[in-house]
Amino acid sequence: MSNDKQNDAFAALGRYMGMAFLLPTTTFVGYGIGYLLDKGLGTHFCKVVFLILGIAGGFVELIRELQKTTRDS
């Protein structure tokens, strides 16, 4: 395998590994922000709202990344 093909394979591996962690990370961050807001404000609904926003944001970024990947191929 030539050096360029090997570098392209490692770049693709890195891109796909990043996508694998994208959705769980955004979900966790959204829940964490909501949890902290709930503790600070004394409410019980912020964590659900921010959890949903984190999931939606993760899907949006995942779709953007997949579109960028398919466009580059």
N, C-alpha and C. Protein backbone atom coordinates (compact mmCIF):
# COMPACT_ATOMS: atom_id res chain seq x y z
N MET A 1 0.84 -1.17 0.00
CA MET A 1 0.00 0.00 0.00
C MET A 1 0.89 1.24 0.00
N SER A 2 0.59 2.18 -0.86
CA SER A 2 1.43 3.37 -0.94
C SER A 2 1.17 4.25 0.28
N ASN A 3 2.07 5.18 0.49
CA ASN A 3 2.00 6.07 1.64
C ASN A 3 0.77 6.97 1.58
N ASP A 4 0.40 7.44 0.37
CA ASP A 4 -0.77 8.30 0.23
C ASP A 4 -2.06 7.54 0.56
N LYS A 5 -2.16 6.30 0.08
CA LYS A 5 -3.35 5.51 0.39
C LYS A 5 -3.44 5.20 1.87
N GLN A 6 -2.28 4.95 2.50
CA GLN A 6 -2.27 4.67 3.92
C GLN A 6 -2.68 5.91 4.71
N ASN A 7 -2.21 7.09 4.31
CA ASN A 7 -2.60 8.32 4.98
C ASN A 7 -4.09 8.59 4.80
N ASP A 8 -4.62 8.33 3.61
CA ASP A 8 -6.05 8.50 3.36
C ASP A 8 -6.87 7.55 4.22
N ALA A 9 -6.38 6.32 4.38
CA ALA A 9 -7.09 5.35 5.21
C ALA A 9 -7.11 5.78 6.67
N PHE A 10 -5.99 6.29 7.17
CA PHE A 10 -5.95 6.77 8.55
C PHE A 10 -6.81 8.02 8.74
N ALA A 11 -6.85 8.88 7.74
CA ALA A 11 -7.71 10.07 7.82
C ALA A 11 -9.17 9.68 7.86
N ALA A 12 -9.55 8.71 7.05
CA ALA A 12 -10.94 8.23 7.06
C ALA A 12 -11.26 7.55 8.38
N LEU A 13 -10.34 6.78 8.91
CA LEU A 13 -10.55 6.12 10.20
C LEU A 13 -10.76 7.16 11.29
N GLY A 14 -9.97 8.19 11.30
CA GLY A 14 -10.12 9.25 12.29
C GLY A 14 -11.45 9.97 12.16
N ARG A 15 -11.85 10.22 10.94
CA ARG A 15 -13.14 10.91 10.69
C ARG A 15 -14.31 10.05 11.19
N TYR A 16 -14.27 8.75 10.90
CA TYR A 16 -15.35 7.87 11.33
C TYR A 16 -15.34 7.62 12.83
N MET A 17 -14.17 7.59 13.44
CA MET A 17 -14.11 7.45 14.90
C MET A 17 -14.69 8.69 15.56
N GLY A 18 -14.43 9.85 14.99
CA GLY A 18 -15.02 11.07 15.51
C GLY A 18 -16.54 11.05 15.42
N MET A 19 -17.06 10.53 14.33
CA MET A 19 -18.51 10.43 14.17
C MET A 19 -19.11 9.45 15.17
N ALA A 20 -18.35 8.41 15.54
CA ALA A 20 -18.85 7.42 16.48
C ALA A 20 -19.04 8.03 17.88
N PHE A 21 -18.22 8.99 18.22
CA PHE A 21 -18.31 9.62 19.53
C PHE A 21 -19.16 10.89 19.53
N LEU A 22 -19.57 11.34 18.37
CA LEU A 22 -20.29 12.61 18.26
C LEU A 22 -21.65 12.56 18.94
N LEU A 23 -22.47 11.60 18.62
CA LEU A 23 -23.82 11.55 19.16
C LEU A 23 -23.84 11.29 20.68
N PRO A 24 -23.08 10.33 21.20
CA PRO A 24 -23.10 10.16 22.66
C PRO A 24 -22.56 11.38 23.41
N THR A 25 -21.58 12.05 22.85
CA THR A 25 -21.00 13.21 23.51
C THR A 25 -21.99 14.36 23.58
N THR A 26 -22.64 14.66 22.47
CA THR A 26 -23.60 15.76 22.47
C THR A 26 -24.80 15.45 23.36
N THR A 27 -25.20 14.19 23.42
CA THR A 27 -26.30 13.80 24.30
C THR A 27 -25.90 14.00 25.76
N PHE A 28 -24.72 13.56 26.12
CA PHE A 28 -24.24 13.70 27.49
C PHE A 28 -24.07 15.17 27.88
N VAL A 29 -23.54 15.97 26.99
CA VAL A 29 -23.35 17.40 27.28
C VAL A 29 -24.70 18.09 27.45
N GLY A 30 -25.66 17.78 26.59
CA GLY A 30 -26.99 18.37 26.72
C GLY A 30 -27.63 18.00 28.05
N TYR A 31 -27.53 16.74 28.43
CA TYR A 31 -28.09 16.31 29.71
C TYR A 31 -27.36 16.98 30.87
N GLY A 32 -26.05 17.08 30.78
CA GLY A 32 -25.27 17.72 31.85
C GLY A 32 -25.64 19.18 32.05
N ILE A 33 -25.81 19.90 30.96
CA ILE A 33 -26.22 21.31 31.06
C ILE A 33 -27.60 21.41 31.70
N GLY A 34 -28.52 20.57 31.27
CA GLY A 34 -29.86 20.58 31.85
C GLY A 34 -29.86 20.22 33.32
N TYR A 35 -29.04 19.23 33.68
CA TYR A 35 -28.94 18.82 35.08
C TYR A 35 -28.43 19.97 35.95
N LEU A 36 -27.38 20.63 35.48
CA LEU A 36 -26.84 21.75 36.25
C LEU A 36 -27.83 22.91 36.36
N LEU A 37 -28.55 23.17 35.27
CA LEU A 37 -29.57 24.21 35.33
C LEU A 37 -30.69 23.84 36.29
N ASP A 38 -31.09 22.58 36.28
CA ASP A 38 -32.12 22.12 37.22
C ASP A 38 -31.68 22.29 38.67
N LYS A 39 -30.44 21.95 38.95
CA LYS A 39 -29.93 22.11 40.32
C LYS A 39 -29.87 23.58 40.70
N GLY A 40 -29.42 24.42 39.77
CA GLY A 40 -29.28 25.84 40.06
C GLY A 40 -30.60 26.58 40.16
N LEU A 41 -31.56 26.20 39.34
CA LEU A 41 -32.84 26.91 39.31
C LEU A 41 -33.92 26.23 40.15
N GLY A 42 -33.67 25.02 40.60
CA GLY A 42 -34.64 24.28 41.39
C GLY A 42 -35.81 23.75 40.58
N THR A 43 -35.58 23.46 39.30
CA THR A 43 -36.63 22.94 38.43
C THR A 43 -36.39 21.46 38.16
N HIS A 44 -37.28 20.85 37.38
CA HIS A 44 -37.14 19.43 37.06
C HIS A 44 -37.32 19.12 35.58
N PHE A 45 -37.38 20.13 34.74
CA PHE A 45 -37.65 19.88 33.33
C PHE A 45 -36.51 20.26 32.41
N CYS A 46 -35.54 21.00 32.89
CA CYS A 46 -34.44 21.46 32.02
C CYS A 46 -33.62 20.31 31.48
N LYS A 47 -33.39 19.28 32.30
CA LYS A 47 -32.54 18.18 31.82
C LYS A 47 -33.19 17.44 30.66
N VAL A 48 -34.53 17.33 30.67
CA VAL A 48 -35.22 16.67 29.55
C VAL A 48 -35.13 17.54 28.29
N VAL A 49 -35.34 18.85 28.45
CA VAL A 49 -35.28 19.77 27.32
C VAL A 49 -33.89 19.77 26.71
N PHE A 50 -32.86 19.89 27.54
CA PHE A 50 -31.50 19.94 27.02
C PHE A 50 -31.01 18.58 26.53
N LEU A 51 -31.55 17.50 27.08
CA LEU A 51 -31.25 16.18 26.54
C LEU A 51 -31.75 16.08 25.11
N ILE A 52 -32.98 16.52 24.87
CA ILE A 52 -33.55 16.49 23.52
C ILE A 52 -32.76 17.41 22.59
N LEU A 53 -32.39 18.59 23.09
CA LEU A 53 -31.58 19.50 22.26
C LEU A 53 -30.21 18.89 21.95
N GLY A 54 -29.60 18.20 22.91
CA GLY A 54 -28.31 17.55 22.67
C GLY A 54 -28.41 16.46 21.63
N ILE A 55 -29.49 15.66 21.71
CA ILE A 55 -29.69 14.59 20.72
C ILE A 55 -29.91 15.18 19.34
N ALA A 56 -30.75 16.22 19.27
CA ALA A 56 -31.01 16.87 17.97
C ALA A 56 -29.75 17.48 17.40
N GLY A 57 -28.97 18.15 18.24
CA GLY A 57 -27.72 18.73 17.78
C GLY A 57 -26.73 17.68 17.30
N GLY A 58 -26.70 16.56 17.98
CA GLY A 58 -25.82 15.46 17.57
C GLY A 58 -26.21 14.90 16.22
N PHE A 59 -27.52 14.73 16.01
CA PHE A 59 -27.97 14.23 14.71
C PHE A 59 -27.67 15.23 13.58
N VAL A 60 -27.85 16.52 13.87
CA VAL A 60 -27.56 17.53 12.85
C VAL A 60 -26.09 17.49 12.46
N GLU A 61 -25.21 17.43 13.45
CA GLU A 61 -23.78 17.37 13.16
C GLU A 61 -23.39 16.06 12.47
N LEU A 62 -24.02 14.97 12.86
CA LEU A 62 -23.75 13.68 12.22
C LEU A 62 -24.16 13.71 10.75
N ILE A 63 -25.29 14.27 10.45
CA ILE A 63 -25.75 14.38 9.06
C ILE A 63 -24.83 15.30 8.26
N ARG A 64 -24.42 16.42 8.87
CA ARG A 64 -23.49 17.33 8.17
C ARG A 64 -22.17 16.63 7.85
N GLU A 65 -21.67 15.89 8.81
CA GLU A 65 -20.40 15.18 8.61
C GLU A 65 -20.53 14.10 7.54
N LEU A 66 -21.63 13.37 7.55
CA LEU A 66 -21.85 12.35 6.53
C LEU A 66 -22.00 12.96 5.15
N GLN A 67 -22.68 14.10 5.05
CA GLN A 67 -22.81 14.77 3.76
C GLN A 67 -21.45 15.25 3.27
N LYS A 68 -20.63 15.76 4.18
CA LYS A 68 -19.28 16.20 3.79
C LYS A 68 -18.44 15.02 3.32
N THR A 69 -18.59 13.88 3.99
CA THR A 69 -17.84 12.68 3.63
C THR A 69 -18.26 12.15 2.27
N THR A 70 -19.57 12.11 2.01
CA THR A 70 -20.03 11.60 0.72
C THR A 70 -19.71 12.56 -0.41
N ARG A 71 -19.69 13.85 -0.13
CA ARG A 71 -19.33 14.84 -1.15
C ARG A 71 -17.86 14.73 -1.53
N ASP A 72 -17.00 14.44 -0.54
CA ASP A 72 -15.56 14.33 -0.79
C ASP A 72 -15.21 13.05 -1.55
N SER A 73 -16.04 12.02 -1.45
CA SER A 73 -15.74 10.74 -2.10
C SER A 73 -16.02 10.77 -3.56
